[in-house]
C-alpha atoms as a PDB file:
ATOM      1  CA  MET A   1     -27.047-131.731-193.884  1.00  0.00           C
ATOM      2  CA  ASN A   2     -28.521-134.947-195.275  1.00  0.00           C
ATOM      3  CA  HIS A   3     -26.554-137.336-193.090  1.00  0.00           C
ATOM      4  CA  TRP A   4     -28.080-135.657-190.013  1.00  0.00           C
ATOM      5  CA  LYS A   5     -31.619-136.223-191.283  1.00  0.00           C
ATOM      6  CA  ASN A   6     -31.377-139.687-192.831  1.00  0.00           C
ATOM      7  CA  GLY A   7     -29.771-141.495-189.911  1.00  0.00           C
ATOM      8  CA  ARG A   8     -26.258-141.782-191.371  1.00  0.00           C
ATOM      9  CA  THR A   9     -24.849-139.573-188.692  1.00  0.00           C
ATOM     10  CA  HIS A  10     -22.884-139.380-185.518  1.00  0.00           C
ATOM     11  CA  ARG A  11     -25.773-137.591-183.838  1.00  0.00           C
ATOM     12  CA  GLU A  12     -25.392-139.725-180.701  1.00  0.00           C
ATOM     13  CA  GLU A  13     -21.889-138.271-180.235  1.00  0.00           C
ATOM     14  CA  TYR A  14     -23.393-134.771-180.064  1.00  0.00           C
ATOM     15  CA  PRO A  15     -26.542-135.347-177.991  1.00  0.00           C
ATOM     16  CA  ASN A  16     -26.991-131.707-176.988  1.00  0.00           C
ATOM     17  CA  PHE A  17     -26.425-130.306-180.483  1.00  0.00           C
ATOM     18  CA  THR A  18     -29.124-129.165-182.849  1.00  0.00           C
ATOM     19  CA  ILE A  19     -28.408-129.593-186.547  1.00  0.00           C
ATOM     20  CA  GLU A  20     -27.467-125.908-186.664  1.00  0.00           C
ATOM     21  CA  GLN A  21     -24.969-126.325-183.819  1.00  0.00           C
ATOM     22  CA  TYR A  22     -23.505-129.448-185.427  1.00  0.00           C
ATOM     23  CA  VAL A  23     -23.036-127.637-188.752  1.00  0.00           C
ATOM     24  CA  ALA A  24     -21.605-124.545-187.033  1.00  0.00           C
ATOM     25  CA  ARG A  25     -19.045-126.635-185.115  1.00  0.00           C
ATOM     26  CA  ALA A  26     -18.121-128.642-188.229  1.00  0.00           C
ATOM     27  CA  VAL A  27     -17.631-125.473-190.304  1.00  0.00           C
ATOM     28  CA  GLN A  28     -15.681-123.819-187.487  1.00  0.00           C
ATOM     29  CA  LEU A  29     -13.317-126.797-187.225  1.00  0.00           C
ATOM     30  CA  ALA A  30     -12.922-127.166-191.001  1.00  0.00           C
ATOM     31  CA  GLU A  31     -11.948-123.490-191.282  1.00  0.00           C
ATOM     32  CA  MET A  32      -9.455-123.542-188.378  1.00  0.00           C
ATOM     33  CA  PRO A  33      -5.790-123.143-189.246  1.00  0.00           C
ATOM     34  CA  VAL A  34      -3.559-126.097-188.460  1.00  0.00           C
ATOM     35  CA  GLY A  35      -1.469-125.696-185.315  1.00  0.00           C
ATOM     36  CA  GLY A  36      -1.539-126.402-181.607  1.00  0.00           C
ATOM     37  CA  ASP A  37      -4.412-128.780-180.878  1.00  0.00           C
ATOM     38  CA  ILE A  38      -5.671-128.632-184.475  1.00  0.00           C
ATOM     39  CA  LEU A  39      -4.182-131.190-186.836  1.00  0.00           C
ATOM     40  CA  GLY A  40      -5.076-131.120-190.487  1.00  0.00           C
ATOM     41  CA  HIS A  41      -4.321-131.661-194.128  1.00  0.00           C
ATOM     42  CA  VAL A  42      -5.993-131.800-197.529  1.00  0.00           C
ATOM     43  CA  ASP A  43      -6.396-135.182-199.208  1.00  0.00           C
ATOM     44  CA  LYS A  44      -5.776-136.005-202.896  1.00  0.00           C
ATOM     45  CA  ASP A  45      -9.375-135.098-203.757  1.00  0.00           C
ATOM     46  CA  GLY A  46      -9.130-131.654-202.161  1.00  0.00           C
ATOM     47  CA  ILE A  47     -11.114-132.655-199.069  1.00  0.00           C
ATOM     48  CA  ILE A  48     -10.184-130.596-196.020  1.00  0.00           C
ATOM     49  CA  ILE A  49      -9.537-132.762-192.973  1.00  0.00           C
ATOM     50  CA  ARG A  50      -9.193-131.403-189.452  1.00  0.00           C
ATOM     51  CA  TYR A  51      -8.862-133.058-186.062  1.00  0.00           C
ATOM     52  CA  ASP A  52      -9.216-131.257-182.736  1.00  0.00           C
ATOM     53  CA  ARG A  53      -7.066-133.076-180.160  1.00  0.00           C
ATOM     54  CA  LYS A  54      -8.634-131.289-177.213  1.00  0.00           C
ATOM     55  CA  ILE A  55     -12.292-131.999-178.059  1.00  0.00           C
ATOM     56  CA  ASN A  56     -11.717-135.176-180.154  1.00  0.00           C
ATOM     57  CA  ASP A  57     -13.669-133.892-183.160  1.00  0.00           C
ATOM     58  CA  PHE A  58     -12.787-135.091-186.664  1.00  0.00           C
ATOM     59  CA  VAL A  59     -14.235-133.319-189.701  1.00  0.00           C
ATOM     60  CA  LYS A  60     -14.111-133.726-193.472  1.00  0.00           C
ATOM     61  CA  ALA A  61     -15.241-130.820-195.632  1.00  0.00           C
ATOM     62  CA  SER A  62     -15.351-129.953-199.299  1.00  0.00           C
ATOM     63  CA  VAL A  63     -15.004-126.401-200.544  1.00  0.00           C
ATOM     64  CA  LYS A  64     -17.624-127.168-203.206  1.00  0.00           C
ATOM     65  CA  LYS A  65     -20.022-129.405-201.277  1.00  0.00           C
ATOM     66  CA  GLY A  66     -19.625-128.331-197.653  1.00  0.00           C
ATOM     67  CA  ILE A  67     -19.362-130.560-194.599  1.00  0.00           C
ATOM     68  CA  ARG A  68     -19.143-134.262-195.376  1.00  0.00           C
ATOM     69  CA  THR A  69     -19.000-135.539-191.810  1.00  0.00           C
ATOM     70  CA  MET A  70     -17.958-134.751-188.272  1.00  0.00           C
ATOM     71  CA  PHE A  71     -17.554-137.282-185.491  1.00  0.00           C
ATOM     72  CA  LYS A  72     -15.558-138.254-182.425  1.00  0.00           C
ATOM     73  CA  PRO A  73     -13.210-141.073-183.451  1.00  0.00           C
ATOM     74  CA  VAL A  74     -12.983-143.932-180.955  1.00  0.00           C
ATOM     75  CA  ASP A  75      -9.211-144.084-181.460  1.00  0.00           C
ATOM     76  CA  GLY A  76      -8.854-140.319-181.163  1.00  0.00           C
ATOM     77  CA  GLU A  77      -5.625-138.900-182.547  1.00  0.00           C
ATOM     78  CA  SER A  78      -4.495-142.322-183.794  1.00  0.00           C
ATOM     79  CA  TYR A  79      -7.473-142.338-186.158  1.00  0.00           C
ATOM     80  CA  TYR A  80      -6.420-138.977-187.604  1.00  0.00           C
ATOM     81  CA  LYS A  81      -2.783-140.053-187.954  1.00  0.00           C
ATOM     82  CA  ASP A  82      -3.770-143.285-189.709  1.00  0.00           C
ATOM     83  CA  MET A  83      -6.007-141.270-192.059  1.00  0.00           C
ATOM     84  CA  ARG A  84      -3.172-138.873-192.793  1.00  0.00           C
ATOM     85  CA  ILE A  85      -0.712-141.683-193.538  1.00  0.00           C
ATOM     86  CA  SER A  86      -3.264-143.266-195.860  1.00  0.00           C
ATOM     87  CA  ASN A  87      -3.867-139.927-197.621  1.00  0.00           C
ATOM     88  CA  VAL A  88      -0.129-139.278-198.014  1.00  0.00           C
ATOM     89  CA  GLU A  89       0.355-142.760-199.481  1.00  0.00           C
ATOM     90  CA  GLU A  90      -2.504-142.120-201.948  1.00  0.00           C
ATOM     91  CA  ARG A  91      -1.002-138.792-202.970  1.00  0.00           C
ATOM     92  CA  LEU A  92       2.415-140.385-203.447  1.00  0.00           C
ATOM     93  CA  SER A  93       0.987-143.163-205.596  1.00  0.00           C
ATOM     94  CA  VAL A  94      -0.793-140.571-207.750  1.00  0.00           C
ATOM     95  CA  TRP A  95       2.414-138.516-207.938  1.00  0.00           C
ATOM     96  CA  TYR A  96       4.522-141.546-208.884  1.00  0.00           C
ATOM     97  CA  ALA A  97       2.001-142.567-211.548  1.00  0.00           C
ATOM     98  CA  ALA A  98       2.043-139.040-212.985  1.00  0.00           C
ATOM     99  CA  LYS A  99       5.843-138.997-212.891  1.00  0.00           C
ATOM    100  CA  ALA A 100       5.983-142.370-214.674  1.00  0.00           C
ATOM    101  CA  ASN A 101       3.538-141.118-217.306  1.00  0.00           C
ATOM    102  CA  LEU A 102       5.596-137.971-217.814  1.00  0.00           C
ATOM    103  CA  LEU A 103       8.764-140.035-218.128  1.00  0.00           C
ATOM    104  CA  ASN A 104       7.049-142.226-220.738  1.00  0.00           C
ATOM    105  CA  VAL A 105       6.027-139.120-222.698  1.00  0.00           C
ATOM    106  CA  ILE A 106       9.589-137.758-222.559  1.00  0.00           C
ATOM    107  CA  ILE A 107      11.048-141.074-223.734  1.00  0.00           C
ATOM    108  CA  LEU A 108       8.467-141.419-226.507  1.00  0.00           C
ATOM    109  CA  THR A 109       9.127-137.835-227.646  1.00  0.00           C
ATOM    110  CA  ALA A 110      12.880-138.498-227.731  1.00  0.00           C
ATOM    111  CA  VAL A 111      12.432-141.759-229.662  1.00  0.00           C
ATOM    112  CA  LEU A 112      10.118-140.099-232.177  1.00  0.00           C
ATOM    113  CA  SER A 113      12.599-137.263-232.589  1.00  0.00           C
ATOM    114  CA  VAL A 114      15.428-139.727-233.303  1.00  0.00           C
ATOM    115  CA  ILE A 115      13.260-141.681-235.750  1.00  0.00           C
ATOM    116  CA  GLY A 116      12.294-138.431-237.456  1.00  0.00           C
ATOM    117  CA  LYS A 117      15.941-137.447-237.832  1.00  0.00           C
ATOM    118  CA  MET A 118      16.800-140.905-239.150  1.00  0.00           C
ATOM    119  CA  MET A 119      14.009-140.721-241.714  1.00  0.00           C
ATOM    120  CA  THR A 120      15.090-137.251-242.815  1.00  0.00           C
ATOM    121  CA  THR A 121      18.709-138.369-243.121  1.00  0.00           C
ATOM    122  CA  LYS A 122      17.668-141.450-245.139  1.00  0.00           C
ATOM    123  CA  PHE A 123      15.595-139.364-247.550  1.00  0.00           C
ATOM    124  CA  ASP A 124      18.337-136.752-247.842  1.00  0.00           C
ATOM    125  CA  THR A 125      20.838-139.493-248.718  1.00  0.00           C
ATOM    126  CA  ARG A 126      18.524-140.858-251.440  1.00  0.00           C
ATOM    127  CA  ALA A 127      18.048-137.360-252.831  1.00  0.00           C
ATOM    128  CA  ARG A 128      21.825-136.798-252.960  1.00  0.00           C
ATOM    129  CA  VAL A 129      22.420-140.116-254.712  1.00  0.00           C
ATOM    130  CA  ALA A 130      19.748-139.189-257.264  1.00  0.00           C
ATOM    131  CA  GLN A 131      21.423-135.804-257.836  1.00  0.00           C
ATOM    132  CA  ILE A 132      24.829-137.369-258.395  1.00  0.00           C
ATOM    133  CA  ALA A 133      23.489-139.934-260.837  1.00  0.00           C
END
């Protein structure tokens, strides 16, 4: 847990915790199912986010890299809700961009198909004229 050792931590918010206790609590919260006092979601990057209303703990965790951070937000539940709104907006913008890209691919495919048919028809017409002559 590098952020515990190098000073980039919320250690002061957990004065009675050892690093092992901090990690254990962070993992426990990250693995908790959403419901009751536990709010949570997964952001666009696959980061698991949980907030414990009762204890005011906020955690971010990665399945691949483990705990990213855990702290007690000053604004409590409002902090979590703002984070969630921000994450939903990011996901929507990614979704809309993907949808726009897909729509562009569909349109381009349709245009190319029409052009291909036009080219085939043009060549077929020339071939028929040559046969008649």
